[in-house]
Amino acid sequence: LDVAENGKIAVEKVMTTRPDLVLMDVQMPVMDGLEATRAIRRWEATTGARPTPILALTAHAAGEGVGISLEAGCNEHLTKPIKRVTLLEAISRHVHGKILVTPPEGVEGLVPNYLASVRREMGEILAGLDWNDCKIARRLGHQLKGSGEGYGFPEITRTGAAVELAAATADEDEIRRQILALAAFLDRVEIVSVA
């Protein structure tokens, strides 16, 4: 366990120590957690480093705060104060061989079809790129951004936002990188039902 006193130090530590996971306080001095996350994601993209799971910790509970965290590149948005079991489940989702996901109550039965649909859309995005068409990526990225969180998959929401943004600037390499990272994530997902 390592601690950074501010966002600038957090970025430096990620670059030098390559941690398994980062718990990023959104409100830090010198460089806030969201800017630190953006800097880490830029460094990873530039160097080809394996993306480090980053979990945003903030007192901003819902709505816009979640979207801002995910857009900055955080894998998940956790609200303080946080229960120990919630924190441990979030960490487990991102550091073990399998990523454990518990869908929200009432949608468990819909998740297999949803994930199959997401994989089809990922294929459509990549096929569109083969034809130098970023419009498909922009449209489907927007859909993924809007749907992932509701099924219990903030990583799909984050990826959708990143794909939509990359498509707006016709950054085909970034779109491919995001889709391949999402595919690797989905390959590790194990659905855990609420008992």
Protein backbone atom coordinates (compact mmCIF):
# COMPACT_ATOMS: atom_id res chain seq x y z
CA LEU A 1 0.00 0.00 0.00
CA ASP A 2 1.40 3.38 -1.01
CA VAL A 3 -0.01 6.85 -0.38
CA ALA A 4 0.31 10.02 -2.46
CA GLU A 5 -0.19 13.39 -0.78
CA ASN A 6 -1.47 15.05 -3.95
CA GLY A 7 -2.44 14.27 -7.55
CA LYS A 8 0.95 15.18 -9.03
CA ILE A 9 2.69 12.69 -6.72
CA ALA A 10 0.01 10.09 -7.54
CA VAL A 11 0.82 10.38 -11.27
CA GLU A 12 4.55 10.06 -10.59
CA LYS A 13 4.01 6.98 -8.39
CA VAL A 14 1.86 5.26 -11.01
CA MET A 15 4.53 5.87 -13.64
CA THR A 16 7.35 4.53 -11.47
CA THR A 17 5.76 1.76 -9.37
CA ARG A 18 3.00 0.45 -11.70
CA PRO A 19 0.48 -0.41 -8.94
CA ASP A 20 -2.21 -3.08 -9.35
CA LEU A 21 -4.94 -0.54 -8.60
CA VAL A 22 -5.34 3.14 -7.68
CA LEU A 23 -7.93 4.53 -5.25
CA MET A 24 -8.07 8.11 -6.53
CA ASP A 25 -9.44 10.80 -4.25
CA VAL A 26 -11.12 13.25 -6.60
CA GLN A 27 -10.41 16.30 -4.41
CA MET A 28 -6.66 16.56 -3.84
CA PRO A 29 -4.30 19.52 -3.70
CA VAL A 30 -1.83 20.53 -6.45
CA MET A 31 -3.56 18.36 -9.11
CA ASP A 32 -7.06 17.02 -8.49
CA GLY A 33 -7.82 13.33 -8.90
CA LEU A 34 -9.58 13.70 -12.24
CA GLU A 35 -6.69 15.60 -13.82
CA ALA A 36 -4.28 13.05 -12.32
CA THR A 37 -6.36 10.26 -13.89
CA ARG A 38 -6.29 12.01 -17.28
CA ALA A 39 -2.51 12.39 -17.00
CA ILE A 40 -2.12 8.68 -16.16
CA ARG A 41 -4.33 7.66 -19.10
CA ARG A 42 -2.35 9.93 -21.48
CA TRP A 43 0.92 8.40 -20.24
CA GLU A 44 -0.46 4.86 -20.67
CA ALA A 45 -1.64 5.66 -24.21
CA THR A 46 1.70 7.23 -25.14
CA THR A 47 3.86 4.45 -23.68
CA GLY A 48 1.57 1.49 -24.40
CA ALA A 49 1.57 0.64 -20.69
CA ARG A 50 -1.12 -1.70 -19.37
CA PRO A 51 -4.01 0.44 -18.06
CA THR A 52 -4.09 0.57 -14.27
CA PRO A 53 -7.57 0.24 -12.76
CA ILE A 54 -8.46 3.60 -11.18
CA LEU A 55 -11.38 3.86 -8.77
CA ALA A 56 -12.62 7.39 -8.06
CA LEU A 57 -13.43 8.12 -4.43
CA THR A 58 -15.58 11.19 -3.91
CA ALA A 59 -18.33 12.67 -1.80
CA HIS A 60 -20.26 13.50 -5.00
CA ALA A 61 -22.82 10.71 -5.07
CA ALA A 62 -24.77 10.57 -8.25
CA GLY A 63 -25.58 12.13 -11.53
CA GLU A 64 -22.95 14.27 -13.14
CA GLY A 65 -20.16 13.23 -10.73
CA VAL A 66 -20.21 9.64 -11.98
CA GLY A 67 -20.08 10.69 -15.62
CA ILE A 68 -17.23 13.12 -15.00
CA SER A 69 -15.19 10.42 -13.22
CA LEU A 70 -15.76 7.88 -15.98
CA GLU A 71 -15.01 10.42 -18.72
CA ALA A 72 -11.73 11.27 -17.01
CA GLY A 73 -10.75 7.61 -17.33
CA CYS A 74 -11.72 6.15 -13.95
CA ASN A 75 -12.95 2.58 -14.12
CA GLU A 76 -15.48 3.06 -11.36
CA HIS A 77 -16.97 5.82 -9.18
CA LEU A 78 -17.30 5.14 -5.44
CA THR A 79 -18.99 7.47 -2.99
CA LYS A 80 -17.60 8.34 0.45
CA PRO A 81 -18.32 7.39 3.12
CA ILE A 82 -17.95 3.88 1.75
CA LYS A 83 -18.73 0.59 3.43
CA ARG A 84 -15.81 -1.80 3.68
CA VAL A 85 -17.67 -4.56 1.81
CA THR A 86 -18.45 -2.17 -1.07
CA LEU A 87 -14.82 -1.10 -1.31
CA LEU A 88 -13.52 -4.68 -1.19
CA GLU A 89 -16.00 -5.79 -3.87
CA ALA A 90 -14.89 -2.91 -6.12
CA ILE A 91 -11.22 -3.78 -5.62
CA SER A 92 -11.97 -7.45 -6.29
CA ARG A 93 -13.68 -6.59 -9.56
CA HIS A 94 -10.48 -5.03 -10.85
CA VAL A 95 -7.52 -6.96 -9.44
CA HIS A 96 -8.36 -10.65 -9.46
CA GLY A 97 -8.20 -12.94 -12.46
CA LYS A 98 -11.97 -12.72 -12.74
CA ILE A 99 -13.84 -9.46 -12.51
CA LEU A 100 -16.88 -10.02 -10.32
CA VAL A 101 -19.95 -8.03 -11.32
CA THR A 102 -23.24 -8.03 -9.42
CA PRO A 103 -25.92 -6.55 -11.70
CA PRO A 104 -28.54 -4.24 -10.18
CA GLU A 105 -31.58 -6.02 -8.82
CA GLY A 106 -34.19 -6.69 -11.48
CA VAL A 107 -31.86 -6.83 -14.49
CA GLU A 108 -29.90 -10.02 -13.73
CA GLY A 109 -31.82 -12.02 -16.35
CA LEU A 110 -31.18 -9.37 -19.01
CA VAL A 111 -27.40 -9.25 -18.58
CA PRO A 112 -26.42 -12.20 -20.85
CA ASN A 113 -28.35 -10.74 -23.80
CA TYR A 114 -27.02 -7.26 -23.00
CA LEU A 115 -23.41 -8.47 -23.02
CA ALA A 116 -23.98 -10.36 -26.29
CA SER A 117 -25.37 -7.12 -27.77
CA VAL A 118 -22.34 -5.17 -26.51
CA ARG A 119 -19.99 -7.66 -28.19
CA ARG A 120 -21.94 -7.35 -31.47
CA GLU A 121 -21.71 -3.56 -31.28
CA MET A 122 -17.96 -3.80 -30.61
CA GLY A 123 -17.65 -5.89 -33.78
CA GLU A 124 -19.67 -3.32 -35.73
CA ILE A 125 -17.40 -0.53 -34.48
CA LEU A 126 -14.27 -2.40 -35.59
CA ALA A 127 -15.86 -3.29 -38.95
CA GLY A 128 -16.73 0.37 -39.48
CA LEU A 129 -13.12 1.34 -38.83
CA ASP A 130 -12.03 -1.09 -41.55
CA TRP A 131 -14.04 1.15 -43.92
CA ASN A 132 -12.64 4.35 -42.30
CA ASP A 133 -16.10 5.11 -40.91
CA CYS A 134 -16.06 6.67 -37.44
CA LYS A 135 -19.79 7.50 -37.51
CA ILE A 136 -20.68 3.97 -36.39
CA ALA A 137 -18.19 4.22 -33.52
CA ARG A 138 -19.60 7.57 -32.46
CA ARG A 139 -23.21 6.33 -32.49
CA LEU A 140 -22.54 2.99 -30.79
CA GLY A 141 -20.07 4.56 -28.35
CA HIS A 142 -22.84 6.93 -27.30
CA GLN A 143 -25.20 3.97 -26.79
CA LEU A 144 -22.63 2.07 -24.71
CA LYS A 145 -22.00 5.18 -22.63
CA GLY A 146 -25.70 5.38 -21.84
CA SER A 147 -26.33 1.72 -21.07
CA GLY A 148 -23.38 0.23 -19.18
CA GLU A 149 -23.98 1.73 -15.75
CA GLY A 150 -27.63 0.60 -15.70
CA TYR A 151 -26.59 -3.03 -16.11
CA GLY A 152 -23.83 -2.78 -13.51
CA PHE A 153 -20.93 -2.24 -15.93
CA PRO A 154 -19.31 1.19 -15.39
CA GLU A 155 -16.39 0.00 -17.57
CA ILE A 156 -18.77 -0.24 -20.56
CA THR A 157 -20.01 3.28 -19.82
CA ARG A 158 -16.43 4.59 -19.56
CA THR A 159 -15.39 2.86 -22.77
CA GLY A 160 -18.47 4.14 -24.61
CA ALA A 161 -17.63 7.71 -23.58
CA ALA A 162 -14.00 7.27 -24.68
CA VAL A 163 -15.02 5.75 -28.03
CA GLU A 164 -17.54 8.52 -28.69
CA LEU A 165 -14.92 11.15 -27.91
CA ALA A 166 -12.25 9.48 -30.08
CA ALA A 167 -14.75 9.09 -32.93
CA ALA A 168 -15.50 12.82 -32.81
CA THR A 169 -11.85 13.47 -33.73
CA ALA A 170 -11.58 10.42 -36.04
CA ASP A 171 -8.89 8.89 -33.79
CA GLU A 172 -9.18 5.33 -35.12
CA ASP A 173 -6.19 4.02 -33.13
CA GLU A 174 -7.74 5.17 -29.86
CA ILE A 175 -11.12 3.65 -30.79
CA ARG A 176 -9.42 0.30 -31.51
CA ARG A 177 -7.45 0.49 -28.26
CA GLN A 178 -10.61 1.16 -26.25
CA ILE A 179 -12.57 -1.66 -27.92
CA LEU A 180 -9.76 -4.19 -27.45
CA ALA A 181 -9.39 -3.19 -23.79
CA LEU A 182 -13.15 -3.63 -23.31
CA ALA A 183 -12.99 -7.06 -24.95
CA ALA A 184 -10.23 -8.09 -22.53
CA PHE A 185 -12.34 -6.77 -19.64
CA LEU A 186 -15.45 -8.68 -20.75
CA ASP A 187 -13.44 -11.89 -21.13
CA ARG A 188 -12.67 -11.69 -17.39
CA VAL A 189 -16.20 -10.85 -16.20
CA GLU A 190 -18.01 -13.30 -13.97
CA ILE A 191 -21.61 -12.46 -13.06
CA VAL A 192 -22.41 -12.85 -9.37
CA SER A 193 -26.08 -13.04 -8.49
CA VAL A 194 -27.48 -11.45 -5.36
CA ALA A 195 -28.41 -14.16 -2.87
